[in-house]
PDB file of all heavy atoms in Angstrom:
ATOM      1  N   SER A   1     100.531 230.214-119.723  1.00  0.00           N
ATOM      2  CA  SER A   1     100.154 229.177-118.771  1.00  0.00           C
ATOM      3  C   SER A   1      99.986 227.833-119.463  1.00  0.00           C
ATOM      4  O   SER A   1      99.464 227.751-120.581  1.00  0.00           O
ATOM      5  CB  SER A   1      98.849 229.571-118.072  1.00  0.00           C
ATOM      6  OG  SER A   1      98.366 228.509-117.289  1.00  0.00           O
ATOM      7  N   ILE A   2     100.421 226.778-118.796  1.00  0.00           N
ATOM      8  CA  ILE A   2     100.235 225.430-119.325  1.00  0.00           C
ATOM      9  C   ILE A   2      98.796 224.987-119.129  1.00  0.00           C
ATOM     10  O   ILE A   2      98.191 224.364-120.008  1.00  0.00           O
ATOM     11  CB  ILE A   2     101.199 224.448-118.625  1.00  0.00           C
ATOM     12  CG1 ILE A   2     102.655 224.825-118.934  1.00  0.00           C
ATOM     13  CG2 ILE A   2     100.910 223.005-119.052  1.00  0.00           C
ATOM     14  CD1 ILE A   2     103.665 223.998-118.188  1.00  0.00           C
ATOM     15  N   SER A   3      98.229 225.321-117.999  1.00  0.00           N
ATOM     16  CA  SER A   3      96.872 224.873-117.676  1.00  0.00           C
ATOM     17  C   SER A   3      95.791 225.814-118.200  1.00  0.00           C
ATOM     18  O   SER A   3      94.636 225.422-118.356  1.00  0.00           O
ATOM     19  CB  SER A   3      96.716 224.713-116.163  1.00  0.00           C
ATOM     20  OG  SER A   3      97.051 225.918-115.500  1.00  0.00           O
ATOM     21  N   ASN A   4      96.162 227.086-118.466  1.00  0.00           N
ATOM     22  CA  ASN A   4      95.189 228.061-118.959  1.00  0.00           C
ATOM     23  C   ASN A   4      95.727 228.703-120.228  1.00  0.00           C
ATOM     24  O   ASN A   4      96.602 229.573-120.179  1.00  0.00           O
ATOM     25  CB  ASN A   4      94.920 229.141-117.910  1.00  0.00           C
ATOM     26  CG  ASN A   4      94.357 228.581-116.625  1.00  0.00           C
ATOM     27  OD1 ASN A   4      93.274 228.017-116.605  1.00  0.00           O
ATOM     28  ND2 ASN A   4      95.113 228.725-115.537  1.00  0.00           N
ATOM     29  N   ALA A   5      95.227 228.261-121.379  1.00  0.00           N
ATOM     30  CA  ALA A   5      95.709 228.780-122.654  1.00  0.00           C
ATOM     31  C   ALA A   5      95.394 230.261-122.780  1.00  0.00           C
ATOM     32  O   ALA A   5      94.454 230.785-122.175  1.00  0.00           O
ATOM     33  CB  ALA A   5      95.068 228.005-123.806  1.00  0.00           C
ATOM     34  N   ASN A   6      96.216 230.955-123.584  1.00  0.00           N
ATOM     35  CA  ASN A   6      96.017 232.380-123.871  1.00  0.00           C
ATOM     36  C   ASN A   6      96.052 233.230-122.591  1.00  0.00           C
ATOM     37  O   ASN A   6      95.289 234.180-122.438  1.00  0.00           O
ATOM     38  CB  ASN A   6      94.684 232.614-124.600  1.00  0.00           C
ATOM     39  CG  ASN A   6      94.519 231.716-125.809  1.00  0.00           C
ATOM     40  OD1 ASN A   6      95.406 231.631-126.651  1.00  0.00           O
ATOM     41  ND2 ASN A   6      93.393 231.025-125.876  1.00  0.00           N
ATOM     42  N   GLN A   7      96.988 232.911-121.712  1.00  0.00           N
ATOM     43  CA  GLN A   7      97.035 233.612-120.436  1.00  0.00           C
ATOM     44  C   GLN A   7      98.402 233.465-119.776  1.00  0.00           C
ATOM     45  O   GLN A   7      99.028 232.415-119.836  1.00  0.00           O
ATOM     46  CB  GLN A   7      95.961 233.041-119.505  1.00  0.00           C
ATOM     47  CG  GLN A   7      95.946 233.607-118.107  1.00  0.00           C
ATOM     48  CD  GLN A   7      94.806 233.056-117.283  1.00  0.00           C
ATOM     49  OE1 GLN A   7      93.637 233.193-117.648  1.00  0.00           O
ATOM     50  NE2 GLN A   7      95.140 232.410-116.174  1.00  0.00           N
ATOM     51  N   ILE A   8      98.866 234.535-119.154  1.00  0.00           N
ATOM     52  CA  ILE A   8      99.991 234.492-118.214  1.00  0.00           C
ATOM     53  C   ILE A   8      99.385 234.514-116.827  1.00  0.00           C
ATOM     54  O   ILE A   8      98.701 235.473-116.453  1.00  0.00           O
ATOM     55  CB  ILE A   8     100.943 235.684-118.424  1.00  0.00           C
ATOM     56  CG1 ILE A   8     101.637 235.577-119.784  1.00  0.00           C
ATOM     57  CG2 ILE A   8     101.978 235.762-117.306  1.00  0.00           C
ATOM     58  CD1 ILE A   8     102.456 236.797-120.152  1.00  0.00           C
ATOM     59  N   ASP A   9      99.605 233.456-116.072  1.00  0.00           N
ATOM     60  CA  ASP A   9      98.931 233.330-114.775  1.00  0.00           C
ATOM     61  C   ASP A   9      99.326 234.430-113.806  1.00  0.00           C
ATOM     62  O   ASP A   9      98.481 234.995-113.114  1.00  0.00           O
ATOM     63  CB  ASP A   9      99.220 231.964-114.151  1.00  0.00           C
ATOM     64  CG  ASP A   9      98.471 230.837-114.858  1.00  0.00           C
ATOM     65  OD1 ASP A   9      97.433 231.120-115.495  1.00  0.00           O
ATOM     66  OD2 ASP A   9      98.928 229.682-114.767  1.00  0.00           O
ATOM     67  N   ASN A  10     100.615 234.729-113.743  1.00  0.00           N
ATOM     68  CA  ASN A  10     101.074 235.768-112.822  1.00  0.00           C
ATOM     69  C   ASN A  10     102.440 236.271-113.263  1.00  0.00           C
ATOM     70  O   ASN A  10     103.444 235.573-113.125  1.00  0.00           O
ATOM     71  CB  ASN A  10     101.146 235.259-111.384  1.00  0.00           C
ATOM     72  CG  ASN A  10     101.514 236.361-110.397  1.00  0.00           C
ATOM     73  OD1 ASN A  10     101.513 237.545-110.738  1.00  0.00           O
ATOM     74  ND2 ASN A  10     101.834 235.984-109.175  1.00  0.00           N
ATOM     75  N   ALA A  11     102.465 237.497-113.771  1.00  0.00           N
ATOM     76  CA  ALA A  11     103.726 238.100-114.190  1.00  0.00           C
ATOM     77  C   ALA A  11     104.630 238.407-113.001  1.00  0.00           C
ATOM     78  O   ALA A  11     105.814 238.724-113.180  1.00  0.00           O
ATOM     79  CB  ALA A  11     103.449 239.383-114.974  1.00  0.00           C
ATOM     80  N   LEU A  12     104.086 238.307-111.784  1.00  0.00           N
ATOM     81  CA  LEU A  12     104.865 238.567-110.572  1.00  0.00           C
ATOM     82  C   LEU A  12     105.059 237.304-109.750  1.00  0.00           C
ATOM     83  O   LEU A  12     105.170 237.362-108.523  1.00  0.00           O
ATOM     84  CB  LEU A  12     104.174 239.642-109.725  1.00  0.00           C
ATOM     85  CG  LEU A  12     103.886 240.970-110.413  1.00  0.00           C
ATOM     86  CD1 LEU A  12     103.296 241.964-109.419  1.00  0.00           C
ATOM     87  CD2 LEU A  12     105.141 241.546-111.041  1.00  0.00           C
ATOM     88  N   ALA A  13     105.104 236.158-110.414  1.00  0.00           N
ATOM     89  CA  ALA A  13     105.235 234.892-109.695  1.00  0.00           C
ATOM     90  C   ALA A  13     106.518 234.846-108.870  1.00  0.00           C
ATOM     91  O   ALA A  13     106.545 234.261-107.777  1.00  0.00           O
ATOM     92  CB  ALA A  13     105.197 233.732-110.680  1.00  0.00           C
ATOM     93  N   SER A  14     107.580 235.464-109.346  1.00  0.00           N
ATOM     94  CA  SER A  14     108.864 235.411-108.641  1.00  0.00           C
ATOM     95  C   SER A  14     108.985 236.460-107.546  1.00  0.00           C
ATOM     96  O   SER A  14     109.726 236.264-106.575  1.00  0.00           O
ATOM     97  CB  SER A  14     110.022 235.591-109.631  1.00  0.00           C
ATOM     98  OG  SER A  14     110.069 234.529-110.554  1.00  0.00           O
ATOM     99  N   LYS A  15     108.273 237.567-107.688  1.00  0.00           N
ATOM    100  CA  LYS A  15     108.400 238.632-106.692  1.00  0.00           C
ATOM    101  C   LYS A  15     107.201 239.569-106.781  1.00  0.00           C
ATOM    102  O   LYS A  15     106.758 239.947-107.866  1.00  0.00           O
ATOM    103  CB  LYS A  15     109.687 239.439-106.908  1.00  0.00           C
ATOM    104  CG  LYS A  15     109.759 240.125-108.275  1.00  0.00           C
ATOM    105  CD  LYS A  15     111.014 240.961-108.431  1.00  0.00           C
ATOM    106  CE  LYS A  15     111.029 241.673-109.790  1.00  0.00           C
ATOM    107  NZ  LYS A  15     112.256 242.469-109.990  1.00  0.00           N
ATOM    108  N   SER A  16     106.670 239.918-105.642  1.00  0.00           N
ATOM    109  CA  SER A  16     105.641 240.952-105.587  1.00  0.00           C
ATOM    110  C   SER A  16     106.319 242.314-105.663  1.00  0.00           C
ATOM    111  O   SER A  16     107.518 242.451-105.444  1.00  0.00           O
ATOM    112  CB  SER A  16     104.831 240.836-104.289  1.00  0.00           C
ATOM    113  OG  SER A  16     104.147 239.604-104.220  1.00  0.00           O
ATOM    114  N   TRP A  17     105.518 243.323-105.980  1.00  0.00           N
ATOM    115  CA  TRP A  17     106.017 244.701-105.976  1.00  0.00           C
ATOM    116  C   TRP A  17     105.496 245.409-104.726  1.00  0.00           C
ATOM    117  O   TRP A  17     104.310 245.311-104.386  1.00  0.00           O
ATOM    118  CB  TRP A  17     105.530 245.458-107.208  1.00  0.00           C
ATOM    119  CG  TRP A  17     106.169 245.028-108.485  1.00  0.00           C
ATOM    120  CD1 TRP A  17     107.401 244.468-108.659  1.00  0.00           C
ATOM    121  CD2 TRP A  17     105.597 245.124-109.805  1.00  0.00           C
ATOM    122  NE1 TRP A  17     107.645 244.211-109.987  1.00  0.00           N
ATOM    123  CE2 TRP A  17     106.549 244.610-110.711  1.00  0.00           C
ATOM    124  CE3 TRP A  17     104.389 245.604-110.292  1.00  0.00           C
ATOM    125  CZ2 TRP A  17     106.316 244.558-112.078  1.00  0.00           C
ATOM    126  CZ3 TRP A  17     104.151 245.558-111.655  1.00  0.00           C
ATOM    127  CH2 TRP A  17     105.111 245.047-112.541  1.00  0.00           C
ATOM    128  N   TYR A  18     106.380 246.142-104.050  1.00  0.00           N
ATOM    129  CA  TYR A  18     106.023 246.906-102.856  1.00  0.00           C
ATOM    130  C   TYR A  18     106.338 248.373-103.128  1.00  0.00           C
ATOM    131  O   TYR A  18     107.453 248.703-103.564  1.00  0.00           O
ATOM    132  CB  TYR A  18     106.800 246.413-101.640  1.00  0.00           C
ATOM    133  CG  TYR A  18     106.573 244.943-101.342  1.00  0.00           C
ATOM    134  CD1 TYR A  18     107.317 243.953-101.983  1.00  0.00           C
ATOM    135  CD2 TYR A  18     105.600 244.542-100.427  1.00  0.00           C
ATOM    136  CE1 TYR A  18     107.102 242.607-101.717  1.00  0.00           C
ATOM    137  CE2 TYR A  18     105.379 243.200-100.156  1.00  0.00           C
ATOM    138  CZ  TYR A  18     106.135 242.242-100.817  1.00  0.00           C
ATOM    139  OH  TYR A  18     105.915 240.904-100.553  1.00  0.00           O
ATOM    140  N   LEU A  19     105.381 249.245-102.870  1.00  0.00           N
ATOM    141  CA  LEU A  19     105.572 250.649-103.173  1.00  0.00           C
ATOM    142  C   LEU A  19     104.747 251.514-102.238  1.00  0.00           C
ATOM    143  O   LEU A  19     103.756 251.059-101.667  1.00  0.00           O
ATOM    144  CB  LEU A  19     105.227 250.949-104.629  1.00  0.00           C
ATOM    145  CG  LEU A  19     103.837 250.624-105.149  1.00  0.00           C
ATOM    146  CD1 LEU A  19     103.642 251.268-106.531  1.00  0.00           C
ATOM    147  CD2 LEU A  19     103.613 249.115-105.331  1.00  0.00           C
ATOM    148  N   PHE A  20     105.196 252.745-102.080  1.00  0.00           N
ATOM    149  CA  PHE A  20     104.503 253.655-101.174  1.00  0.00           C
ATOM    150  C   PHE A  20     103.222 254.182-101.819  1.00  0.00           C
ATOM    151  O   PHE A  20     103.094 254.234-103.044  1.00  0.00           O
ATOM    152  CB  PHE A  20     105.395 254.831-100.793  1.00  0.00           C
ATOM    153  CG  PHE A  20     106.480 254.490 -99.802  1.00  0.00           C
ATOM    154  CD1 PHE A  20     107.678 255.191 -99.791  1.00  0.00           C
ATOM    155  CD2 PHE A  20     106.304 253.487 -98.865  1.00  0.00           C
ATOM    156  CE1 PHE A  20     108.681 254.905 -98.868  1.00  0.00           C
ATOM    157  CE2 PHE A  20     107.289 253.178 -97.937  1.00  0.00           C
ATOM    158  CZ  PHE A  20     108.478 253.893 -97.946  1.00  0.00           C
ATOM    159  N   GLU A  21     102.313 254.585-100.959  1.00  0.00           N
ATOM    160  CA  GLU A  21     101.050 255.180-101.394  1.00  0.00           C
ATOM    161  C   GLU A  21     101.317 256.436-102.228  1.00  0.00           C
ATOM    162  O   GLU A  21     102.154 257.258-101.880  1.00  0.00           O
ATOM    163  CB  GLU A  21     100.233 255.524-100.151  1.00  0.00           C
ATOM    164  CG  GLU A  21      98.913 256.182-100.393  1.00  0.00           C
ATOM    165  CD  GLU A  21      98.144 256.395 -99.100  1.00  0.00           C
ATOM    166  OE1 GLU A  21      98.019 255.435 -98.307  1.00  0.00           O
ATOM    167  OE2 GLU A  21      97.676 257.522 -98.869  1.00  0.00           O
ATOM    168  N   ASN A  22     100.583 256.546-103.335  1.00  0.00           N
ATOM    169  CA  ASN A  22     100.685 257.733-104.182  1.00  0.00           C
ATOM    170  C   ASN A  22      99.366 258.483-104.072  1.00  0.00           C
ATOM    171  O   ASN A  22      98.348 258.047-104.597  1.00  0.00           O
ATOM    172  CB  ASN A  22     100.967 257.343-105.630  1.00  0.00           C
ATOM    173  CG  ASN A  22     101.525 258.488-106.456  1.00  0.00           C
ATOM    174  OD1 ASN A  22     101.717 259.591-105.952  1.00  0.00           O
ATOM    175  ND2 ASN A  22     101.778 258.238-107.723  1.00  0.00           N
ATOM    176  N   SER A  23      99.372 259.605-103.370  1.00  0.00           N
ATOM    177  CA  SER A  23      98.131 260.276-102.984  1.00  0.00           C
ATOM    178  C   SER A  23      97.469 260.964-104.171  1.00  0.00           C
ATOM    179  O   SER A  23      98.106 261.225-105.204  1.00  0.00           O
ATOM    180  CB  SER A  23      98.420 261.310-101.901  1.00  0.00           C
ATOM    181  OG  SER A  23      98.964 262.482-102.474  1.00  0.00           O
ATOM    182  N   PRO A  24      96.173 261.286-104.036  1.00  0.00           N
ATOM    183  CA  PRO A  24      95.481 262.033-105.092  1.00  0.00           C
ATOM    184  C   PRO A  24      96.108 263.397-105.364  1.00  0.00           C
ATOM    185  O   PRO A  24      95.894 263.972-106.432  1.00  0.00           O
ATOM    186  CB  PRO A  24      94.062 262.180-104.534  1.00  0.00           C
ATOM    187  CG  PRO A  24      93.907 261.087-103.545  1.00  0.00           C
ATOM    188  CD  PRO A  24      95.267 260.907-102.942  1.00  0.00           C
TER     189      PRO A  24
END
């Protein structure tokens, strides 16, 4: 991050992940 050193603000900035529920 430019504004927050030592940090990646969001590794999913380009796309969210969508996935089905994985039950217990």
